[in-house]
Amino acid sequence: MAKIDLTVIKDRQERAIQRARERNIIIPTFAQQRNPELIPAKIKEELKGIGLWDIHPRNLFRITWKNEPAAFGGGFGGVNYIELPSSLTGTDARIFALVGKWFPTGAHKVGAAFGCLVPRLVTGQFEPTTQKAVWPSTGNYCRGGAYDSALLACNSIAILPEGMSKERFEWLEKIAGEVIATPGSESNVKEIFDKCWELRKSGEDLMIFNQFEEFGNYLWHYELTGHAMEEILTQEMRAGDEFRGIALTTGSAGTIACGDYLKQRYPTMKIAASEALQCPTLLQNGFGAHRIEGIGDKHVPWIHNVKNTDLITAIDDNDVVKIVRLFNEPEGKAYLAKQGVPESVISKLDLMGFSGIANMLSAVKMAKYYGMTNKDVLLVVLTDSMELYNTRIDEYRKDFGPFTITDAAEAYAASLMGESTDNMLELSEFERKRVHNLKYYTWVEQQGKTYEEILAQWDDPDYWTGFQGQLDEMDALINEFNDRVGLL
């Protein structure tokens, strides 16, 4: 049975406790992030005077899907989500989207980074007084890691491709101890891994939290995103409705771990893994470059449970770019209103970043493929919002000219309503094994995993549940750490 190593190193743990005491740090449990009602009243009171993005240790308690949607002083409520109506999706299926904007940093990746860093910190495996935390990423994860590091008084190095949005770099320069821009864009994950090996060989005291292989990423989404989705279903499903599944771009394959949680409760639901058509690694062992910011490609992440994946979809990045303009340009919004999209929905379309739009299109493809009706429910995630991409709109205006009513009509008809069932593959057991086997070339040949480990991921029936069973142990370690810090 595979598990995250939770071995305690007592002397290093004691130094971490002392650092937390000096820096006024209290760490939330996974249970408190899942259910903020468990957060002590003292901490909720403190949060009333703290901004959502402030570099303040109490914002660790805002790593939850249940923040009040407020930039300053917000409390907690239900899960943040929106429903995407048929007038927007062109399908009768009911599609609900979790909203990532209302996390600190404006993206849910801050939670994945928490899931990776905190178990190492509270056990003393990571030494915050001497080590640097390294966050390799295609964008949001390294932002989340740098932010969590700042809140936990740790030094950090953020690694991301040079082609990512200007907003990411400007923010990171203020938060991370060091920012490293690697060659390329979304699809250039190998270059990020190469930089990690270079850092390992440098002799500097570092710990690399690689989101593509760290099971803390998987576990945070299994627990937090899985439960958040379940709450939406409990709240929204009517008599006769059926939950049909989730559709998510894989990226690091952290978010899609929520599907493992949901399948244990809704065994007939399906998990659709999505990628860019310009880089169809899962679909056809392909490669390439694309513009759907927030997902990495050309490999299968180590933490992707391919045995539990039912469908692959590939989204054309040209459609995503056109819809970004349709949703955010004045002419686009006006055209959507004429097509019957409610103003209450149009006013919230900026909650969708590039990967969120790709997730929506993936759900549309899934709904059309299976012929879903208004009794069928699908779930997606909006990882981040347009707040992190506004300079892209300026770039498109410069490169392609003003967005006209004709452009809006074309984007609506072709890219939105015209989304088809092309470039999809329903996975047989043979196809699942093909996708899983692609891990060999990245993880065994390049990144140091063993032949036995890759076999275990496929053959050991307890491999994935081993990680899932560690949540109580992690929360016990966090509670013990906080008790010894003595601030509660």
Protein backbone atom coordinates (compact mmCIF):
# COMPACT_ATOMS: atom_id res chain seq x y z
CA MET A 1 0.00 0.00 0.00
CA ALA A 2 1.47 3.37 -1.07
CA LYS A 3 1.50 6.25 1.40
CA ILE A 4 2.91 9.74 1.93
CA ASP A 5 5.89 9.51 4.27
CA LEU A 6 4.86 11.02 7.60
CA THR A 7 7.96 10.09 9.58
CA VAL A 8 8.67 12.70 12.27
CA ILE A 9 12.21 14.13 12.54
CA LYS A 10 12.08 15.49 16.06
CA ASP A 11 14.90 18.05 16.13
CA ARG A 12 13.85 19.60 12.82
CA GLN A 13 10.21 19.52 13.91
CA GLU A 14 11.15 21.41 17.07
CA ARG A 15 12.82 24.16 15.01
CA ALA A 16 9.71 24.40 12.80
CA ILE A 17 7.56 24.73 15.93
CA GLN A 18 9.79 27.50 17.25
CA ARG A 19 9.58 29.32 13.90
CA ALA A 20 5.78 29.04 13.93
CA ARG A 21 5.66 30.40 17.46
CA GLU A 22 7.85 33.36 16.52
CA ARG A 23 5.87 34.14 13.36
CA ASN A 24 2.36 33.74 14.85
CA ILE A 25 1.51 30.73 12.66
CA ILE A 26 -1.43 28.42 13.27
CA ILE A 27 -2.06 25.71 10.67
CA PRO A 28 -5.58 24.61 9.71
CA THR A 29 -6.48 20.95 9.50
CA PHE A 30 -7.91 19.41 6.35
CA ALA A 31 -11.16 19.02 8.31
CA GLN A 32 -11.28 22.77 9.01
CA GLN A 33 -10.61 23.61 5.36
CA ARG A 34 -13.40 21.25 4.35
CA ASN A 35 -15.77 22.60 7.01
CA PRO A 36 -14.89 26.13 8.19
CA GLU A 37 -17.51 25.85 10.95
CA LEU A 38 -14.76 23.98 12.84
CA ILE A 39 -12.42 27.00 12.73
CA PRO A 40 -12.04 28.63 16.19
CA ALA A 41 -14.04 31.83 16.70
CA LYS A 42 -10.83 33.67 17.63
CA ILE A 43 -9.42 33.09 14.16
CA LYS A 44 -12.67 34.04 12.40
CA GLU A 45 -12.63 37.30 14.31
CA GLU A 46 -9.06 38.03 13.21
CA LEU A 47 -9.97 37.39 9.58
CA LYS A 48 -12.47 40.27 9.63
CA GLY A 49 -9.51 42.64 9.42
CA ILE A 50 -7.50 40.76 6.78
CA GLY A 51 -7.67 40.97 2.97
CA LEU A 52 -8.12 37.79 0.95
CA TRP A 53 -4.68 38.08 -0.69
CA ASP A 54 -2.82 39.57 2.28
CA ILE A 55 0.42 37.93 3.34
CA HIS A 56 -0.91 37.04 6.77
CA PRO A 57 -0.64 33.60 8.39
CA ARG A 58 -4.36 33.55 9.26
CA ASN A 59 -5.13 33.36 5.55
CA LEU A 60 -4.09 29.72 5.74
CA PHE A 61 -7.64 29.26 7.05
CA ARG A 62 -9.00 30.75 3.83
CA ILE A 63 -7.65 27.83 1.80
CA THR A 64 -11.18 26.52 1.30
CA TRP A 65 -13.93 26.46 -1.34
CA LYS A 66 -16.20 28.19 1.19
CA ASN A 67 -14.83 31.71 1.50
CA GLU A 68 -17.30 34.55 1.39
CA PRO A 69 -16.74 36.11 -2.07
CA ALA A 70 -15.19 39.29 -0.73
CA ALA A 71 -11.77 40.86 -1.25
CA PHE A 72 -11.46 41.96 2.39
CA GLY A 73 -12.66 40.72 5.75
CA GLY A 74 -14.91 37.97 4.47
CA GLY A 75 -16.20 35.09 6.55
CA PHE A 76 -17.33 31.66 5.37
CA GLY A 77 -20.45 30.27 3.75
CA GLY A 78 -21.34 27.58 1.26
CA VAL A 79 -19.27 26.32 -1.66
CA ASN A 80 -18.61 29.00 -4.29
CA TYR A 81 -20.09 27.85 -7.60
CA ILE A 82 -22.22 28.93 -10.55
CA GLU A 83 -24.59 27.13 -12.91
CA LEU A 84 -23.86 27.42 -16.63
CA PRO A 85 -27.23 27.63 -18.42
CA SER A 86 -28.18 26.02 -21.72
CA SER A 87 -28.17 29.43 -23.41
CA LEU A 88 -24.43 29.51 -22.75
CA THR A 89 -23.50 25.86 -23.26
CA GLY A 90 -25.83 24.73 -26.03
CA THR A 91 -26.70 21.54 -24.17
CA ASP A 92 -29.63 20.63 -21.93
CA ALA A 93 -27.38 19.06 -19.29
CA ARG A 94 -27.10 20.97 -16.02
CA ILE A 95 -23.47 22.04 -15.65
CA PHE A 96 -22.20 23.46 -12.35
CA ALA A 97 -18.77 25.03 -11.95
CA LEU A 98 -16.79 25.47 -8.72
CA VAL A 99 -15.27 28.98 -8.58
CA GLY A 100 -11.56 29.25 -7.79
CA LYS A 101 -11.30 33.04 -7.72
CA TRP A 102 -12.19 33.30 -4.04
CA PHE A 103 -9.09 31.53 -2.79
CA PRO A 104 -6.09 33.58 -1.69
CA THR A 105 -4.02 34.21 -4.88
CA GLY A 106 -7.23 33.91 -6.92
CA ALA A 107 -6.73 30.22 -7.76
CA HIS A 108 -7.38 26.93 -5.98
CA LYS A 109 -3.79 25.76 -6.55
CA VAL A 110 -2.94 27.39 -3.22
CA GLY A 111 -4.72 24.39 -1.70
CA ALA A 112 -2.72 21.86 -3.67
CA ALA A 113 0.49 23.55 -2.52
CA PHE A 114 -0.75 23.44 1.10
CA GLY A 115 -1.36 19.70 0.74
CA CYS A 116 2.24 19.20 -0.37
CA LEU A 117 4.05 21.53 2.05
CA VAL A 118 2.24 21.15 5.37
CA PRO A 119 2.76 17.39 5.96
CA ARG A 120 6.51 17.89 5.43
CA LEU A 121 6.55 20.96 7.67
CA VAL A 122 4.69 19.52 10.67
CA THR A 123 6.75 16.31 10.62
CA GLY A 124 10.05 18.22 10.47
CA GLN A 125 10.96 16.72 7.09
CA PHE A 126 11.02 20.25 5.69
CA GLU A 127 13.19 22.64 7.69
CA PRO A 128 11.86 26.22 7.25
CA THR A 129 14.84 27.85 8.95
CA THR A 130 17.43 26.44 6.55
CA GLN A 131 15.72 25.01 3.46
CA LYS A 132 14.06 26.63 0.47
CA ALA A 133 10.78 25.29 -0.92
CA VAL A 134 10.92 24.91 -4.72
CA TRP A 135 7.66 25.11 -6.66
CA PRO A 136 7.88 23.91 -10.29
CA SER A 137 4.75 24.84 -12.20
CA THR A 138 3.07 26.11 -15.34
CA GLY A 139 1.72 29.06 -13.37
CA ASN A 140 -0.82 28.91 -10.56
CA TYR A 141 0.79 26.18 -8.48
CA CYS A 142 4.05 28.06 -8.03
CA ARG A 143 2.03 31.14 -7.10
CA GLY A 144 0.18 29.08 -4.50
CA GLY A 145 3.43 27.57 -3.26
CA ALA A 146 5.17 30.94 -2.96
CA TYR A 147 2.14 32.32 -1.12
CA ASP A 148 1.91 29.38 1.29
CA SER A 149 5.65 29.62 1.87
CA ALA A 150 5.32 33.30 2.73
CA LEU A 151 2.47 32.59 5.16
CA LEU A 152 4.48 29.78 6.77
CA ALA A 153 7.69 31.85 6.97
CA CYS A 154 9.56 29.68 4.43
CA ASN A 155 11.93 30.76 1.69
CA SER A 156 10.74 29.82 -1.79
CA ILE A 157 11.78 29.48 -5.43
CA ALA A 158 9.04 29.66 -8.07
CA ILE A 159 9.63 28.02 -11.45
CA LEU A 160 7.34 28.64 -14.43
CA PRO A 161 7.62 28.97 -18.23
CA GLU A 162 8.61 32.35 -19.60
CA GLY A 163 5.50 32.42 -21.84
CA MET A 164 3.03 32.64 -18.95
CA SER A 165 0.90 35.72 -18.38
CA LYS A 166 2.49 38.98 -17.28
CA GLU A 167 0.26 39.12 -14.18
CA ARG A 168 1.80 35.95 -12.78
CA PHE A 169 5.36 37.22 -13.02
CA GLU A 170 4.57 40.66 -11.60
CA TRP A 171 2.91 39.14 -8.53
CA LEU A 172 5.59 36.48 -8.00
CA GLU A 173 8.37 39.06 -8.04
CA LYS A 174 6.82 40.53 -4.87
CA ILE A 175 6.14 37.24 -3.06
CA ALA A 176 8.67 34.55 -3.99
CA GLY A 177 12.27 34.65 -2.83
CA GLU A 178 13.38 33.82 -6.37
CA VAL A 179 11.58 33.43 -9.70
CA ILE A 180 13.00 31.26 -12.47
CA ALA A 181 11.52 31.49 -15.99
CA THR A 182 12.13 28.38 -18.07
CA PRO A 183 11.94 28.23 -21.89
CA GLY A 184 8.57 27.86 -23.61
CA SER A 185 4.98 27.96 -22.43
CA GLU A 186 2.27 25.58 -21.19
CA SER A 187 3.58 22.46 -22.89
CA ASN A 188 7.19 22.83 -21.85
CA VAL A 189 7.01 20.82 -18.63
CA LYS A 190 10.20 18.87 -19.40
CA GLU A 191 12.16 22.13 -19.22
CA ILE A 192 10.73 22.72 -15.73
CA PHE A 193 11.78 19.23 -14.65
CA ASP A 194 15.26 19.82 -16.11
CA LYS A 195 15.61 22.98 -14.02
CA CYS A 196 14.64 20.98 -10.92
CA TRP A 197 17.45 18.49 -11.60
CA GLU A 198 19.86 21.37 -12.07
CA LEU A 199 18.82 22.77 -8.68
CA ARG A 200 19.17 19.36 -7.02
CA LYS A 201 22.77 19.16 -8.23
CA SER A 202 23.59 22.72 -7.11
CA GLY A 203 24.34 21.69 -3.52
CA GLU A 204 21.86 24.23 -2.12
CA ASP A 205 19.59 22.97 0.68
CA LEU A 206 16.27 22.65 -1.13
CA MET A 207 13.07 20.63 -1.09
CA ILE A 208 11.28 20.36 -4.42
CA PHE A 209 7.50 20.08 -4.30
CA ASN A 210 6.75 18.80 -7.78
CA GLN A 211 2.98 19.03 -8.20
CA PHE A 212 2.99 16.43 -10.98
CA GLU A 213 4.21 13.71 -8.59
CA GLU A 214 3.35 14.96 -5.07
CA PHE A 215 0.47 13.02 -3.56
CA GLY A 216 -0.29 15.91 -1.23
CA ASN A 217 -1.71 17.58 -4.36
CA TYR A 218 -3.83 14.51 -5.12
CA LEU A 219 -5.00 14.17 -1.52
CA TRP A 220 -6.02 17.82 -1.06
CA HIS A 221 -8.28 17.64 -4.09
CA TYR A 222 -9.59 14.19 -3.23
CA GLU A 223 -10.70 15.51 0.15
CA LEU A 224 -11.48 19.21 -0.34
CA THR A 225 -12.61 19.45 -3.95
CA GLY A 226 -14.37 16.09 -3.75
CA HIS A 227 -16.41 17.14 -0.73
CA ALA A 228 -17.17 20.55 -2.24
CA MET A 229 -18.58 18.89 -5.36
CA GLU A 230 -20.62 16.49 -3.26
CA GLU A 231 -22.16 19.44 -1.41
CA ILE A 232 -23.19 21.05 -4.70
CA LEU A 233 -24.87 17.82 -5.75
CA THR A 234 -26.70 17.57 -2.43
CA GLN A 235 -27.92 21.14 -2.81
CA GLU A 236 -28.81 21.18 -6.52
CA MET A 237 -29.97 17.73 -7.60
CA ARG A 238 -33.72 17.39 -7.97
CA ALA A 239 -35.88 14.27 -7.86
CA GLY A 240 -35.08 12.26 -10.96
CA ASP A 241 -31.73 13.95 -11.64
CA GLU A 242 -28.64 11.84 -12.20
CA PHE A 243 -25.05 12.84 -11.56
CA ARG A 244 -23.23 11.86 -14.74
CA GLY A 245 -19.68 12.97 -14.04
CA ILE A 246 -16.89 15.54 -14.12
CA ALA A 247 -14.85 17.01 -16.97
CA LEU A 248 -11.46 18.52 -16.14
CA THR A 249 -8.27 19.47 -17.91
CA THR A 250 -5.62 17.30 -16.34
CA GLY A 251 -2.74 19.75 -15.83
CA SER A 252 -0.91 18.23 -12.86
CA ALA A 253 -3.84 15.77 -12.42
CA GLY A 254 -4.42 17.08 -8.91
CA THR A 255 -7.94 18.44 -9.41
CA ILE A 256 -9.14 15.33 -11.21
CA ALA A 257 -8.44 13.38 -7.99
CA CYS A 258 -11.83 14.65 -6.81
CA GLY A 259 -13.22 12.10 -9.25
CA ASP A 260 -11.79 9.27 -7.14
CA TYR A 261 -13.75 10.59 -4.15
CA LEU A 262 -16.96 11.03 -6.14
CA LYS A 263 -16.79 7.62 -7.82
CA GLN A 264 -16.71 5.98 -4.43
CA ARG A 265 -20.10 7.62 -3.75
CA TYR A 266 -21.57 7.67 -7.27
CA PRO A 267 -20.15 4.53 -8.91
CA THR A 268 -21.88 5.09 -12.28
CA MET A 269 -20.48 8.59 -12.85
CA LYS A 270 -17.74 9.12 -15.43
CA ILE A 271 -14.45 11.02 -15.27
CA ALA A 272 -13.41 12.90 -18.39
CA ALA A 273 -9.78 14.02 -18.65
CA SER A 274 -9.24 16.90 -21.05
CA GLU A 275 -6.23 18.42 -22.80
CA ALA A 276 -5.41 20.82 -25.62
CA LEU A 277 -5.98 19.54 -29.15
CA GLN A 278 -2.67 21.15 -30.09
CA CYS A 279 -0.90 18.81 -27.66
CA PRO A 280 -2.92 15.55 -27.65
CA THR A 281 -0.72 13.42 -25.39
CA LEU A 282 -3.52 11.42 -23.77
CA LEU A 283 -5.63 11.22 -26.91
CA GLN A 284 -3.00 10.03 -29.38
CA ASN A 285 0.45 10.02 -27.72
CA GLY A 286 0.95 13.46 -29.28
CA PHE A 287 2.92 16.60 -28.54
CA GLY A 288 2.83 20.29 -29.41
CA ALA A 289 2.30 23.74 -27.93
CA HIS A 290 -0.92 25.54 -26.98
CA ARG A 291 -2.45 28.58 -25.31
CA ILE A 292 -4.71 27.11 -22.62
CA GLU A 293 -2.85 28.61 -19.67
CA GLY A 294 -2.93 26.58 -16.49
CA ILE A 295 -2.32 23.07 -17.82
CA GLY A 296 0.93 21.28 -18.67
CA ASP A 297 1.40 18.60 -21.28
CA LYS A 298 3.64 16.15 -23.16
CA HIS A 299 3.51 13.70 -20.28
CA VAL A 300 1.07 11.90 -17.97
CA PRO A 301 1.37 13.12 -14.37
CA TRP A 302 2.49 10.52 -11.85
CA ILE A 303 -0.52 11.27 -9.62
CA HIS A 304 -3.11 10.72 -12.38
CA ASN A 305 -5.17 7.63 -11.53
CA VAL A 306 -5.65 6.57 -15.15
CA LYS A 307 -7.45 3.37 -14.10
CA ASN A 308 -10.33 5.58 -12.97
CA THR A 309 -10.52 7.71 -16.13
CA ASP A 310 -13.37 6.99 -18.56
CA LEU A 311 -13.12 9.55 -21.33
CA ILE A 312 -10.55 11.79 -23.01
CA THR A 313 -11.47 15.05 -24.72
CA ALA A 314 -9.24 17.48 -26.59
CA ILE A 315 -10.12 21.19 -26.78
CA ASP A 316 -8.94 23.48 -29.58
CA ASP A 317 -7.10 26.39 -28.03
CA ASN A 318 -8.41 28.65 -30.82
CA ASP A 319 -11.90 28.11 -29.44
CA VAL A 320 -10.75 28.97 -25.94
CA VAL A 321 -9.10 32.20 -27.07
CA LYS A 322 -12.20 33.26 -29.05
CA ILE A 323 -14.47 32.52 -26.10
CA VAL A 324 -12.17 34.46 -23.76
CA ARG A 325 -12.86 37.51 -25.94
CA LEU A 326 -16.57 36.68 -26.29
CA PHE A 327 -16.95 36.54 -22.51
CA ASN A 328 -14.88 39.63 -21.71
CA GLU A 329 -15.15 42.14 -24.57
CA PRO A 330 -18.11 44.59 -24.55
CA GLU A 331 -19.34 43.47 -27.99
CA GLY A 332 -19.18 39.86 -26.87
CA LYS A 333 -21.23 40.46 -23.74
CA ALA A 334 -23.82 42.44 -25.71
CA TYR A 335 -24.13 39.61 -28.22
CA LEU A 336 -24.58 37.01 -25.48
CA ALA A 337 -27.41 39.09 -24.02
CA LYS A 338 -29.16 39.09 -27.42
CA GLN A 339 -28.88 35.29 -27.47
CA GLY A 340 -30.77 35.04 -24.22
CA VAL A 341 -27.90 34.53 -21.77
CA PRO A 342 -29.10 36.07 -18.47
CA GLU A 343 -27.33 39.21 -17.29
CA SER A 344 -26.76 37.48 -13.95
CA VAL A 345 -24.60 34.94 -15.82
CA ILE A 346 -22.88 37.43 -18.15
CA SER A 347 -21.75 39.47 -15.15
CA LYS A 348 -19.95 36.40 -13.78
CA LEU A 349 -18.19 35.20 -16.94
CA ASP A 350 -14.96 36.83 -15.82
CA LEU A 351 -14.83 34.07 -13.17
CA MET A 352 -13.56 31.79 -15.96
CA GLY A 353 -9.88 31.78 -16.85
CA PHE A 354 -8.51 29.86 -19.82
CA SER A 355 -8.57 26.41 -18.21
CA GLY A 356 -12.04 27.06 -16.81
CA ILE A 357 -13.35 27.72 -20.31
CA ALA A 358 -11.63 24.55 -21.51
CA ASN A 359 -13.31 22.62 -18.68
CA MET A 360 -16.70 24.03 -19.67
CA LEU A 361 -16.16 23.00 -23.31
CA SER A 362 -15.08 19.54 -22.15
CA ALA A 363 -18.34 19.16 -20.23
CA VAL A 364 -20.29 20.29 -23.29
CA LYS A 365 -18.55 17.65 -25.41
CA MET A 366 -19.29 15.05 -22.75
CA ALA A 367 -22.97 16.04 -22.61
CA LYS A 368 -23.34 15.88 -26.38
CA TYR A 369 -21.45 12.59 -26.65
CA TYR A 370 -23.76 10.86 -24.17
CA GLY A 371 -26.93 12.67 -25.31
CA MET A 372 -27.62 14.16 -21.89
CA THR A 373 -30.88 15.86 -20.94
CA ASN A 374 -31.89 18.37 -18.29
CA LYS A 375 -32.05 15.49 -15.82
CA ASP A 376 -28.29 14.98 -16.12
CA VAL A 377 -25.77 16.85 -13.96
CA LEU A 378 -22.10 17.52 -14.72
CA LEU A 379 -19.46 19.28 -12.62
CA VAL A 380 -16.41 21.29 -13.66
CA VAL A 381 -13.90 23.60 -11.95
CA LEU A 382 -12.93 27.18 -12.71
CA THR A 383 -9.34 27.07 -11.50
CA ASP A 384 -8.85 30.83 -11.71
CA SER A 385 -10.43 33.93 -13.23
CA MET A 386 -9.68 36.55 -15.89
CA GLU A 387 -8.15 38.65 -13.12
CA LEU A 388 -4.93 36.77 -13.90
CA TYR A 389 -5.13 37.25 -17.68
CA ASN A 390 -6.33 40.78 -18.40
CA THR A 391 -3.15 41.63 -20.30
CA ARG A 392 -4.01 38.82 -22.73
CA ILE A 393 -7.08 40.79 -23.83
CA ASP A 394 -4.83 43.78 -24.56
CA GLU A 395 -2.49 41.53 -26.54
CA TYR A 396 -5.35 40.10 -28.60
CA ARG A 397 -6.61 43.58 -29.42
CA LYS A 398 -3.14 44.52 -30.59
CA ASP A 399 -2.60 41.31 -32.59
CA PHE A 400 -6.10 40.76 -34.04
CA GLY A 401 -7.79 44.14 -33.85
CA PRO A 402 -11.01 45.16 -32.11
CA PHE A 403 -13.53 42.47 -31.22
CA THR A 404 -16.57 43.26 -33.36
CA ILE A 405 -20.15 42.06 -33.40
CA THR A 406 -19.16 39.82 -36.33
CA ASP A 407 -16.38 38.28 -34.24
CA ALA A 408 -18.85 37.73 -31.41
CA ALA A 409 -21.34 35.99 -33.70
CA GLU A 410 -18.62 33.74 -35.08
CA ALA A 411 -17.27 32.84 -31.63
CA TYR A 412 -20.75 32.13 -30.30
CA ALA A 413 -21.85 30.00 -33.25
CA ALA A 414 -18.64 28.12 -34.01
CA SER A 415 -16.62 27.95 -30.80
CA LEU A 416 -19.41 27.84 -28.21
CA MET A 417 -22.62 26.43 -29.72
CA GLY A 418 -20.61 24.54 -32.34
CA GLU A 419 -18.57 22.48 -29.89
CA SER A 420 -18.75 18.94 -31.22
CA THR A 421 -17.91 15.37 -30.26
CA ASP A 422 -14.79 15.37 -32.43
CA ASN A 423 -11.47 14.53 -30.77
CA MET A 424 -12.87 12.33 -28.03
CA LEU A 425 -12.05 8.82 -26.92
CA GLU A 426 -14.02 6.60 -24.56
CA LEU A 427 -11.43 4.49 -22.78
CA SER A 428 -11.46 0.73 -22.90
CA GLU A 429 -9.24 -1.15 -20.47
CA PHE A 430 -6.69 -1.44 -23.28
CA GLU A 431 -6.71 2.34 -23.86
CA ARG A 432 -6.41 3.07 -20.14
CA LYS A 433 -3.34 0.86 -20.00
CA ARG A 434 -1.88 2.68 -23.02
CA VAL A 435 -2.25 6.05 -21.30
CA HIS A 436 -0.86 4.69 -18.03
CA ASN A 437 2.13 3.22 -19.85
CA LEU A 438 3.07 6.69 -21.12
CA LYS A 439 4.14 7.46 -17.54
CA TYR A 440 7.14 5.20 -18.05
CA TYR A 441 8.99 7.55 -20.39
CA THR A 442 8.74 10.57 -18.09
CA TRP A 443 8.82 9.06 -14.63
CA VAL A 444 10.96 5.91 -14.86
CA GLU A 445 13.36 6.91 -17.64
CA GLN A 446 13.75 10.58 -16.64
CA GLN A 447 12.56 11.30 -13.12
CA GLY A 448 13.79 8.40 -11.01
CA LYS A 449 10.66 6.34 -10.34
CA THR A 450 11.14 2.57 -10.33
CA TYR A 451 9.71 -0.12 -12.56
CA GLU A 452 8.08 -1.65 -9.48
CA GLU A 453 6.36 1.64 -8.61
CA ILE A 454 4.76 2.08 -12.01
CA LEU A 455 3.53 -1.51 -11.93
CA ALA A 456 2.08 -0.97 -8.45
CA GLN A 457 0.04 2.02 -9.63
CA TRP A 458 -1.76 -0.27 -12.04
CA ASP A 459 -1.74 -3.65 -10.28
CA ASP A 460 -2.07 -2.89 -6.55
CA PRO A 461 -5.79 -2.47 -5.71
CA ASP A 462 -4.86 -0.56 -2.54
CA TYR A 463 -2.36 1.83 -4.14
CA TRP A 464 -4.65 4.88 -4.38
CA THR A 465 -6.72 4.19 -1.28
CA GLY A 466 -3.51 4.09 0.73
CA PHE A 467 -3.09 7.84 0.28
CA GLN A 468 -6.78 8.50 0.85
CA GLY A 469 -6.60 6.82 4.26
CA GLN A 470 -3.99 9.25 5.63
CA LEU A 471 -6.18 12.28 6.24
CA ASP A 472 -6.90 11.61 9.92
CA GLU A 473 -3.22 10.97 10.59
CA MET A 474 -2.27 14.24 8.91
CA ASP A 475 -4.84 16.20 10.88
CA ALA A 476 -3.59 14.63 14.11
CA LEU A 477 -0.04 15.75 13.26
CA ILE A 478 -1.27 19.29 12.50
CA ASN A 479 -3.19 19.46 15.79
CA GLU A 480 -0.17 18.23 17.74
CA PHE A 481 2.03 20.80 15.97
CA ASN A 482 -0.38 23.63 16.83
CA ASP A 483 -0.64 22.49 20.45
CA ARG A 484 3.12 22.63 20.81
CA VAL A 485 3.27 26.05 19.12
CA GLY A 486 0.82 27.18 21.80
CA LEU A 487 -0.99 30.05 20.08
CA LEU A 488 -4.51 28.64 20.23
